[in-house]
Amino acid sequence: SMRSCQVLGFDVMLDSKRKPWLLEVNNSPSMAIDECLALDPDEAAEYLQNLHKFRPTEKRGADQAVICRCMDMGQPHRHRTSTVDL
């Protein structure tokens, strides 16, 4: 016989009395703990003007994350750990 399982994601909110309220159930929850942040307009303009000489930094601090062009966002952006997941 076949065995299988499914991972569900439950979004719950607690009220002031710590009573849980179900907000939604996700049938394909993300396991990522990061979020994409769009570059501010000045930084995006500078990035696009200097794209030919752009070299990403290896520093990964909160304010110095590498500029990314992955498919998570349609424009250059940075990733950082989501404060919700800390």
Protein backbone atom coordinates (compact mmCIF):
# COMPACT_ATOMS: atom_id res chain seq x y z
CA SER A 1 0.00 0.00 0.00
CA MET A 2 1.08 3.59 -0.63
CA ARG A 3 1.79 5.94 2.21
CA SER A 4 1.69 9.68 1.89
CA CYS A 5 1.36 12.76 3.98
CA GLN A 6 0.48 16.37 3.43
CA VAL A 7 1.89 19.40 5.21
CA LEU A 8 -0.68 22.03 6.10
CA GLY A 9 0.00 25.54 7.34
CA PHE A 10 -2.34 27.03 9.92
CA ASP A 11 -2.40 30.81 10.42
CA VAL A 12 -3.70 31.54 13.90
CA MET A 13 -4.14 34.82 15.74
CA LEU A 14 -4.42 35.11 19.53
CA ASP A 15 -6.74 37.70 21.06
CA SER A 16 -6.05 39.61 24.28
CA LYS A 17 -7.27 36.62 26.31
CA ARG A 18 -4.97 34.30 24.33
CA LYS A 19 -7.92 32.62 22.66
CA PRO A 20 -6.81 31.29 19.26
CA TRP A 21 -8.67 32.30 16.11
CA LEU A 22 -8.07 30.37 12.90
CA LEU A 23 -7.37 32.80 10.04
CA GLU A 24 -6.66 30.35 7.24
CA VAL A 25 -5.30 26.93 6.34
CA ASN A 26 -2.71 26.67 3.57
CA ASN A 27 -2.44 23.43 1.60
CA SER A 28 1.03 24.34 0.32
CA PRO A 29 2.73 26.45 3.00
CA SER A 30 6.09 28.08 2.41
CA MET A 31 8.92 26.68 4.48
CA ALA A 32 11.07 29.76 3.86
CA ILE A 33 11.88 32.02 6.77
CA ASP A 34 13.01 34.98 4.70
CA GLU A 35 11.21 37.84 3.03
CA CYS A 36 12.00 39.96 -0.02
CA LEU A 37 12.51 43.68 0.40
CA ALA A 38 12.42 45.97 -2.61
CA LEU A 39 15.33 48.38 -2.93
CA ASP A 40 14.51 51.97 -2.06
CA PRO A 41 14.09 54.15 -5.20
CA ASP A 42 17.52 55.84 -4.92
CA GLU A 43 19.32 52.54 -4.39
CA ALA A 44 17.44 50.91 -7.30
CA ALA A 45 18.32 53.79 -9.63
CA GLU A 46 22.00 53.60 -8.63
CA TYR A 47 21.99 49.82 -9.09
CA LEU A 48 20.50 50.08 -12.58
CA GLN A 49 22.89 52.88 -13.63
CA ASN A 50 25.93 50.92 -12.43
CA LEU A 51 24.79 47.45 -13.43
CA HIS A 52 27.81 46.97 -15.71
CA LYS A 53 30.23 47.34 -12.75
CA PHE A 54 28.04 45.85 -10.03
CA ARG A 55 29.74 43.29 -7.82
CA PRO A 56 27.64 41.94 -4.96
CA THR A 57 29.14 42.22 -1.51
CA GLU A 58 29.64 39.13 0.60
CA LYS A 59 28.51 40.90 3.76
CA ARG A 60 25.17 39.55 4.90
CA GLY A 61 24.19 41.99 7.65
CA ALA A 62 20.61 43.23 7.87
CA ASP A 63 21.48 46.45 6.06
CA GLN A 64 24.14 44.98 3.75
CA ALA A 65 22.45 41.92 2.27
CA VAL A 66 23.43 41.02 -1.28
CA ILE A 67 21.24 42.51 -4.00
CA CYS A 68 19.36 39.64 -5.57
CA ARG A 69 17.57 39.13 -8.89
CA CYS A 70 15.88 35.80 -8.16
CA MET A 71 12.30 35.09 -9.25
CA ASP A 72 10.80 35.86 -5.82
CA MET A 73 10.35 39.47 -6.96
CA GLY A 74 10.33 40.97 -10.46
CA GLN A 75 12.91 43.64 -9.60
CA PRO A 76 16.27 43.78 -7.80
CA HIS A 77 15.74 43.19 -4.09
CA ARG A 78 17.31 41.95 -0.87
CA HIS A 79 16.41 38.98 1.33
CA ARG A 80 16.30 39.09 5.11
CA THR A 81 15.01 36.81 7.83
CA SER A 82 11.39 37.60 8.50
CA THR A 83 10.80 39.12 11.92
CA VAL A 84 7.70 36.94 12.22
CA ASP A 85 9.88 33.82 12.09
CA LEU A 86 12.44 34.88 14.70
